[in-house]
Every structure is written in structure tokens, then in C-alpha cells.
N, C-alpha and C. Protein backbone atom coordinates (compact mmCIF):
# COMPACT_ATOMS: atom_id res chain seq x y z
N MET A 1 0.82 -1.19 0.00
CA MET A 1 0.00 0.00 0.00
C MET A 1 0.87 1.26 0.00
N ILE A 2 1.95 1.25 0.77
CA ILE A 2 2.83 2.41 0.83
C ILE A 2 3.44 2.67 -0.55
N LYS A 3 3.81 1.60 -1.23
CA LYS A 3 4.39 1.75 -2.57
C LYS A 3 3.39 2.41 -3.52
N GLN A 4 2.13 2.01 -3.47
CA GLN A 4 1.12 2.59 -4.34
C GLN A 4 0.93 4.08 -4.04
N ILE A 5 0.96 4.43 -2.78
CA ILE A 5 0.83 5.85 -2.40
C ILE A 5 2.01 6.64 -2.93
N LYS A 6 3.21 6.08 -2.81
CA LYS A 6 4.40 6.75 -3.34
C LYS A 6 4.31 6.91 -4.85
N LEU A 7 3.76 5.90 -5.54
CA LEU A 7 3.60 6.00 -6.99
C LEU A 7 2.63 7.11 -7.37
N VAL A 8 1.54 7.22 -6.65
CA VAL A 8 0.57 8.27 -6.94
C VAL A 8 1.19 9.64 -6.67
N LYS A 9 1.92 9.78 -5.58
CA LYS A 9 2.60 11.04 -5.28
C LYS A 9 3.62 11.37 -6.37
N HIS A 10 4.33 10.35 -6.82
CA HIS A 10 5.32 10.54 -7.89
C HIS A 10 4.63 11.00 -9.16
N ALA A 11 3.53 10.37 -9.52
CA ALA A 11 2.78 10.77 -10.72
C ALA A 11 2.27 12.19 -10.59
N ASN A 12 1.77 12.54 -9.42
CA ASN A 12 1.27 13.90 -9.21
C ASN A 12 2.39 14.93 -9.30
N SER A 13 3.56 14.59 -8.79
CA SER A 13 4.68 15.54 -8.83
C SER A 13 5.14 15.80 -10.26
N ASN A 14 4.93 14.81 -11.13
CA ASN A 14 5.28 14.97 -12.54
C ASN A 14 4.12 15.49 -13.38
N LYS A 15 2.98 15.77 -12.71
CA LYS A 15 1.77 16.25 -13.36
C LYS A 15 1.27 15.27 -14.42
N ASP A 16 1.45 13.98 -14.13
CA ASP A 16 0.95 12.94 -15.03
C ASP A 16 -0.55 12.79 -14.85
N ILE A 17 -1.20 12.39 -15.92
CA ILE A 17 -2.62 12.07 -15.86
C ILE A 17 -2.73 10.59 -15.52
N MET A 18 -3.50 10.28 -14.52
CA MET A 18 -3.60 8.91 -14.05
C MET A 18 -4.65 8.13 -14.85
N TYR A 19 -4.21 7.07 -15.49
CA TYR A 19 -5.10 6.15 -16.20
C TYR A 19 -5.06 4.82 -15.46
N PRO A 20 -6.17 4.14 -15.37
CA PRO A 20 -6.19 2.91 -14.59
C PRO A 20 -5.60 1.69 -15.30
N ALA A 21 -5.07 1.87 -16.49
CA ALA A 21 -4.51 0.72 -17.22
C ALA A 21 -3.28 0.18 -16.52
N GLY A 22 -3.13 -1.13 -16.52
CA GLY A 22 -2.01 -1.77 -15.84
C GLY A 22 -0.65 -1.38 -16.37
N GLU A 23 -0.51 -1.23 -17.68
CA GLU A 23 0.78 -0.88 -18.28
C GLU A 23 1.25 0.50 -17.82
N TYR A 24 0.31 1.42 -17.68
CA TYR A 24 0.67 2.77 -17.22
C TYR A 24 1.32 2.70 -15.84
N TYR A 25 0.71 1.95 -14.95
CA TYR A 25 1.25 1.83 -13.60
C TYR A 25 2.58 1.08 -13.59
N ALA A 26 2.72 0.12 -14.48
CA ALA A 26 3.99 -0.62 -14.56
C ALA A 26 5.12 0.32 -14.97
N VAL A 27 4.89 1.14 -15.98
CA VAL A 27 5.91 2.09 -16.44
C VAL A 27 6.18 3.14 -15.36
N LEU A 28 5.13 3.60 -14.72
CA LEU A 28 5.28 4.58 -13.65
C LEU A 28 6.10 3.99 -12.51
N ASN A 29 5.86 2.74 -12.18
CA ASN A 29 6.61 2.06 -11.13
C ASN A 29 8.09 1.95 -11.51
N GLU A 30 8.37 1.58 -12.74
CA GLU A 30 9.76 1.46 -13.20
C GLU A 30 10.46 2.80 -13.10
N ASN A 31 9.80 3.83 -13.58
CA ASN A 31 10.34 5.18 -13.55
C ASN A 31 10.62 5.60 -12.10
N TYR A 32 9.68 5.36 -11.23
CA TYR A 32 9.82 5.73 -9.82
C TYR A 32 11.02 5.04 -9.18
N GLN A 33 11.18 3.74 -9.43
CA GLN A 33 12.26 2.99 -8.81
C GLN A 33 13.63 3.47 -9.28
N VAL A 34 13.76 3.75 -10.56
CA VAL A 34 15.05 4.23 -11.08
C VAL A 34 15.35 5.61 -10.53
N ARG A 35 14.36 6.47 -10.48
CA ARG A 35 14.57 7.81 -9.90
C ARG A 35 14.92 7.74 -8.41
N ALA A 36 14.29 6.83 -7.70
CA ALA A 36 14.60 6.65 -6.28
C ALA A 36 16.04 6.17 -6.11
N TYR A 37 16.49 5.30 -6.99
CA TYR A 37 17.88 4.83 -6.95
C TYR A 37 18.84 5.99 -7.20
N LEU A 38 18.51 6.83 -8.17
CA LEU A 38 19.35 8.00 -8.44
C LEU A 38 19.44 8.91 -7.22
N LEU A 39 18.30 9.21 -6.62
CA LEU A 39 18.28 10.08 -5.44
C LEU A 39 19.04 9.46 -4.27
N LYS A 40 18.88 8.15 -4.09
CA LYS A 40 19.58 7.43 -3.01
C LYS A 40 21.09 7.58 -3.16
N ASN A 41 21.55 7.71 -4.40
CA ASN A 41 22.99 7.82 -4.68
C ASN A 41 23.44 9.25 -4.95
N GLY A 42 22.64 10.22 -4.51
CA GLY A 42 23.03 11.62 -4.59
C GLY A 42 22.97 12.23 -5.98
N LYS A 43 22.21 11.64 -6.87
CA LYS A 43 22.08 12.16 -8.23
C LYS A 43 20.76 12.91 -8.38
N SER A 44 20.63 13.65 -9.46
CA SER A 44 19.37 14.33 -9.74
C SER A 44 18.35 13.31 -10.22
N ARG A 45 17.09 13.69 -10.27
CA ARG A 45 16.03 12.78 -10.71
C ARG A 45 15.93 12.69 -12.22
N ASP A 46 16.76 13.40 -12.93
CA ASP A 46 16.68 13.45 -14.39
C ASP A 46 17.19 12.15 -15.00
N LEU A 47 16.26 11.32 -15.45
CA LEU A 47 16.63 10.01 -16.00
C LEU A 47 17.35 10.09 -17.33
N ILE A 48 17.07 11.12 -18.10
CA ILE A 48 17.59 11.14 -19.46
C ILE A 48 18.82 12.03 -19.63
N SER A 49 19.42 12.45 -18.54
CA SER A 49 20.66 13.21 -18.67
C SER A 49 21.80 12.24 -18.97
N TYR A 50 22.77 12.71 -19.69
CA TYR A 50 23.93 11.89 -20.05
C TYR A 50 24.62 11.35 -18.79
N GLU A 51 24.84 12.23 -17.82
CA GLU A 51 25.56 11.85 -16.61
C GLU A 51 24.82 10.77 -15.83
N ASN A 52 23.50 10.91 -15.71
CA ASN A 52 22.73 9.92 -14.97
C ASN A 52 22.63 8.60 -15.71
N LEU A 53 22.47 8.64 -17.01
CA LEU A 53 22.45 7.39 -17.78
C LEU A 53 23.78 6.66 -17.65
N LYS A 54 24.87 7.41 -17.72
CA LYS A 54 26.19 6.81 -17.56
C LYS A 54 26.33 6.17 -16.17
N PHE A 55 25.87 6.88 -15.16
CA PHE A 55 25.91 6.36 -13.79
C PHE A 55 25.09 5.07 -13.68
N LEU A 56 23.88 5.08 -14.23
CA LEU A 56 23.01 3.91 -14.15
C LEU A 56 23.59 2.71 -14.90
N ILE A 57 24.16 2.96 -16.06
CA ILE A 57 24.78 1.88 -16.83
C ILE A 57 25.95 1.28 -16.06
N ASN A 58 26.78 2.13 -15.50
CA ASN A 58 27.96 1.64 -14.76
C ASN A 58 27.61 0.95 -13.45
N ASN A 59 26.40 1.18 -12.97
CA ASN A 59 25.95 0.56 -11.72
C ASN A 59 24.77 -0.37 -11.96
N ILE A 60 24.70 -0.95 -13.14
CA ILE A 60 23.54 -1.74 -13.55
C ILE A 60 23.31 -2.95 -12.64
N GLU A 61 24.36 -3.60 -12.18
CA GLU A 61 24.15 -4.78 -11.32
C GLU A 61 23.53 -4.37 -10.00
N ASP A 62 24.02 -3.32 -9.39
CA ASP A 62 23.45 -2.85 -8.14
C ASP A 62 22.01 -2.37 -8.37
N LEU A 63 21.80 -1.65 -9.44
CA LEU A 63 20.46 -1.16 -9.77
C LEU A 63 19.50 -2.33 -10.00
N SER A 64 19.94 -3.37 -10.67
CA SER A 64 19.07 -4.52 -10.93
C SER A 64 18.67 -5.23 -9.64
N LYS A 65 19.48 -5.11 -8.60
CA LYS A 65 19.12 -5.68 -7.30
C LYS A 65 18.17 -4.77 -6.54
N TYR A 66 18.19 -3.48 -6.86
CA TYR A 66 17.37 -2.49 -6.18
C TYR A 66 15.93 -2.49 -6.69
N ILE A 67 15.74 -2.77 -7.95
CA ILE A 67 14.40 -2.72 -8.56
C ILE A 67 13.68 -4.05 -8.38
N ASP A 68 12.37 -4.04 -8.62
CA ASP A 68 11.60 -5.29 -8.49
C ASP A 68 10.93 -5.68 -9.81
N TYR A 69 11.52 -5.29 -10.93
CA TYR A 69 10.99 -5.71 -12.22
C TYR A 69 12.11 -6.31 -13.06
N ASP A 70 11.73 -6.88 -14.19
CA ASP A 70 12.64 -7.65 -15.02
C ASP A 70 13.80 -6.83 -15.57
N THR A 71 14.99 -7.42 -15.58
CA THR A 71 16.17 -6.71 -16.08
C THR A 71 16.06 -6.41 -17.57
N GLU A 72 15.29 -7.20 -18.30
CA GLU A 72 15.10 -6.92 -19.73
C GLU A 72 14.49 -5.53 -19.92
N ARG A 73 13.49 -5.23 -19.12
CA ARG A 73 12.85 -3.91 -19.21
C ARG A 73 13.81 -2.81 -18.74
N LEU A 74 14.61 -3.10 -17.74
CA LEU A 74 15.57 -2.12 -17.24
C LEU A 74 16.59 -1.76 -18.31
N VAL A 75 17.18 -2.75 -18.94
CA VAL A 75 18.19 -2.49 -19.97
C VAL A 75 17.56 -1.75 -21.15
N TYR A 76 16.37 -2.15 -21.52
CA TYR A 76 15.64 -1.47 -22.60
C TYR A 76 15.42 0.00 -22.23
N TYR A 77 15.04 0.22 -20.98
CA TYR A 77 14.75 1.55 -20.46
C TYR A 77 15.99 2.46 -20.50
N LEU A 78 17.17 1.87 -20.36
CA LEU A 78 18.42 2.64 -20.32
C LEU A 78 19.15 2.67 -21.66
N ASN A 79 18.50 2.21 -22.71
CA ASN A 79 19.10 2.24 -24.04
C ASN A 79 19.20 3.69 -24.52
N PRO A 80 20.41 4.19 -24.76
CA PRO A 80 20.56 5.60 -25.14
C PRO A 80 19.94 5.96 -26.49
N TYR A 81 19.73 4.98 -27.35
CA TYR A 81 19.15 5.27 -28.66
C TYR A 81 17.69 5.71 -28.57
N TYR A 82 17.04 5.44 -27.44
CA TYR A 82 15.65 5.85 -27.26
C TYR A 82 15.52 7.22 -26.60
N THR A 83 16.63 7.87 -26.34
CA THR A 83 16.63 9.18 -25.70
C THR A 83 16.90 10.25 -26.74
N GLU A 84 15.93 11.09 -26.97
CA GLU A 84 16.02 12.08 -28.04
C GLU A 84 16.93 13.26 -27.73
N ASN A 85 17.11 13.59 -26.47
CA ASN A 85 17.87 14.80 -26.14
C ASN A 85 19.39 14.60 -26.06
N LEU A 86 19.87 13.41 -26.38
CA LEU A 86 21.31 13.17 -26.37
C LEU A 86 21.88 13.34 -27.77
N SER A 87 23.11 13.85 -27.82
CA SER A 87 23.78 13.98 -29.12
C SER A 87 24.23 12.60 -29.60
N LYS A 88 24.59 12.54 -30.86
CA LYS A 88 25.07 11.27 -31.44
C LYS A 88 26.33 10.81 -30.71
N GLU A 89 27.20 11.75 -30.36
CA GLU A 89 28.43 11.42 -29.65
C GLU A 89 28.14 10.88 -28.25
N GLN A 90 27.17 11.48 -27.57
CA GLN A 90 26.81 11.01 -26.23
C GLN A 90 26.21 9.60 -26.29
N LYS A 91 25.37 9.36 -27.28
CA LYS A 91 24.79 8.02 -27.44
C LYS A 91 25.88 7.00 -27.71
N SER A 92 26.80 7.35 -28.55
CA SER A 92 27.92 6.45 -28.86
C SER A 92 28.76 6.19 -27.61
N SER A 93 29.01 7.23 -26.84
CA SER A 93 29.77 7.09 -25.61
C SER A 93 29.07 6.17 -24.61
N LEU A 94 27.75 6.29 -24.52
CA LEU A 94 26.99 5.43 -23.61
C LEU A 94 26.99 3.97 -24.08
N ILE A 95 26.96 3.76 -25.38
CA ILE A 95 27.08 2.39 -25.90
C ILE A 95 28.45 1.82 -25.55
N ASP A 96 29.48 2.66 -25.60
CA ASP A 96 30.81 2.22 -25.17
C ASP A 96 30.80 1.83 -23.69
N GLU A 97 30.06 2.57 -22.88
CA GLU A 97 29.93 2.22 -21.45
C GLU A 97 29.25 0.87 -21.30
N TRP A 98 28.20 0.63 -22.09
CA TRP A 98 27.53 -0.67 -22.07
C TRP A 98 28.51 -1.77 -22.43
N LYS A 99 29.36 -1.53 -23.42
CA LYS A 99 30.34 -2.54 -23.84
C LYS A 99 31.32 -2.86 -22.72
N LYS A 100 31.74 -1.84 -21.98
CA LYS A 100 32.64 -2.06 -20.85
C LYS A 100 31.97 -2.92 -19.78
N VAL A 101 30.71 -2.60 -19.49
CA VAL A 101 29.97 -3.36 -18.49
C VAL A 101 29.79 -4.80 -18.97
N TYR A 102 29.47 -4.96 -20.25
CA TYR A 102 29.25 -6.27 -20.84
C TYR A 102 30.50 -7.15 -20.74
N SER A 103 31.66 -6.54 -20.84
CA SER A 103 32.91 -7.31 -20.82
C SER A 103 33.31 -7.76 -19.41
N SER A 104 32.57 -7.34 -18.40
CA SER A 104 32.86 -7.75 -17.03
C SER A 104 32.69 -9.26 -16.88
N TYR A 105 33.66 -9.91 -16.28
CA TYR A 105 33.65 -11.36 -16.14
C TYR A 105 32.58 -11.86 -15.18
N ASN A 106 32.31 -11.10 -14.15
CA ASN A 106 31.39 -11.58 -13.12
C ASN A 106 29.98 -11.00 -13.26
N LEU A 107 29.63 -10.53 -14.43
CA LEU A 107 28.31 -9.96 -14.67
C LEU A 107 27.26 -11.07 -14.70
N ASN A 108 26.12 -10.80 -14.11
CA ASN A 108 24.99 -11.71 -14.10
C ASN A 108 24.67 -12.14 -15.54
N PRO A 109 24.59 -13.44 -15.82
CA PRO A 109 24.37 -13.92 -17.19
C PRO A 109 23.08 -13.40 -17.83
N LYS A 110 22.02 -13.28 -17.05
CA LYS A 110 20.76 -12.76 -17.60
C LYS A 110 20.92 -11.30 -18.02
N LEU A 111 21.60 -10.55 -17.19
CA LEU A 111 21.87 -9.15 -17.49
C LEU A 111 22.77 -9.02 -18.71
N LYS A 112 23.76 -9.87 -18.77
CA LYS A 112 24.69 -9.87 -19.90
C LYS A 112 23.96 -10.13 -21.22
N LYS A 113 23.02 -11.05 -21.19
CA LYS A 113 22.22 -11.38 -22.37
C LYS A 113 21.42 -10.17 -22.85
N GLU A 114 20.85 -9.44 -21.91
CA GLU A 114 20.05 -8.25 -22.27
C GLU A 114 20.93 -7.12 -22.79
N ILE A 115 22.09 -6.94 -22.20
CA ILE A 115 23.01 -5.89 -22.64
C ILE A 115 23.49 -6.17 -24.05
N LYS A 116 23.71 -7.43 -24.36
CA LYS A 116 24.17 -7.80 -25.69
C LYS A 116 23.20 -7.32 -26.76
N LYS A 117 21.91 -7.34 -26.49
CA LYS A 117 20.91 -6.85 -27.44
C LYS A 117 21.07 -5.35 -27.68
N THR A 118 21.48 -4.63 -26.66
CA THR A 118 21.63 -3.17 -26.76
C THR A 118 22.87 -2.77 -27.54
N ILE A 119 23.95 -3.52 -27.39
CA ILE A 119 25.23 -3.11 -28.01
C ILE A 119 25.41 -3.65 -29.42
N LYS A 120 24.46 -4.35 -29.93
CA LYS A 120 24.56 -4.86 -31.30
C LYS A 120 24.67 -3.73 -32.30
């Protein structure tokens, strides 16, 4: 119940229109959890800034333990190609960050599989 209240407060703070569809709440929940992770680590709530995306990519294993949804959706959510406000160079740089994370020997195999789809 507390989580649902936090989600509604989060939606209201973003001036979102609340629709009762399940997918809307799922996306809102994902957004809320990633923003909470950023705030917990002293970052701004801006999910689509270059600096925050780089931070999230470099801390993907810790972030994947913090959230309660599938890592496939998380990696998809952090794909720089879906962010319109980044330059081509910034997107390329973030893909390079994904490649570095992917090359980690002790990376969770499920996470590694999802990252591979992003760096293709």
C-alpha cells in the first residue's frame, strides 16, 4: 500500500494524468524505482541526462538488485538510442559504457544477455 501511495505522489509531482490501465502503472513504477535509486545515490532525478544514464549503466548490477521488475525492461529503459535529447556522440559514448559493463567477467548472465541486445 505504501508503494502505491508513493507511486501516486510521484505521478502527481510529474503532473501525469492517471489512467487505470495496468501498463501505465507498470511504467510509472519502473520510472519511480530508477529515480529513487538515483536520489539514493546523490544524483538528480533526471533520468535522461547523459551523466545519470552513464551512472546507471555503470551501476547496472546494483540497480538490478534495487528494482523489483525484469532486467530486460531495465536495460531497454536505459538504451541511449531511445533518448532524443542526447547527441550522437553522447549516445555512442553510452554504448561504449555498455560494452565495458558487458565485458565484465562476473556480470549476471541474464543481465549480460540483455546488454548484448543493446550493443549490437
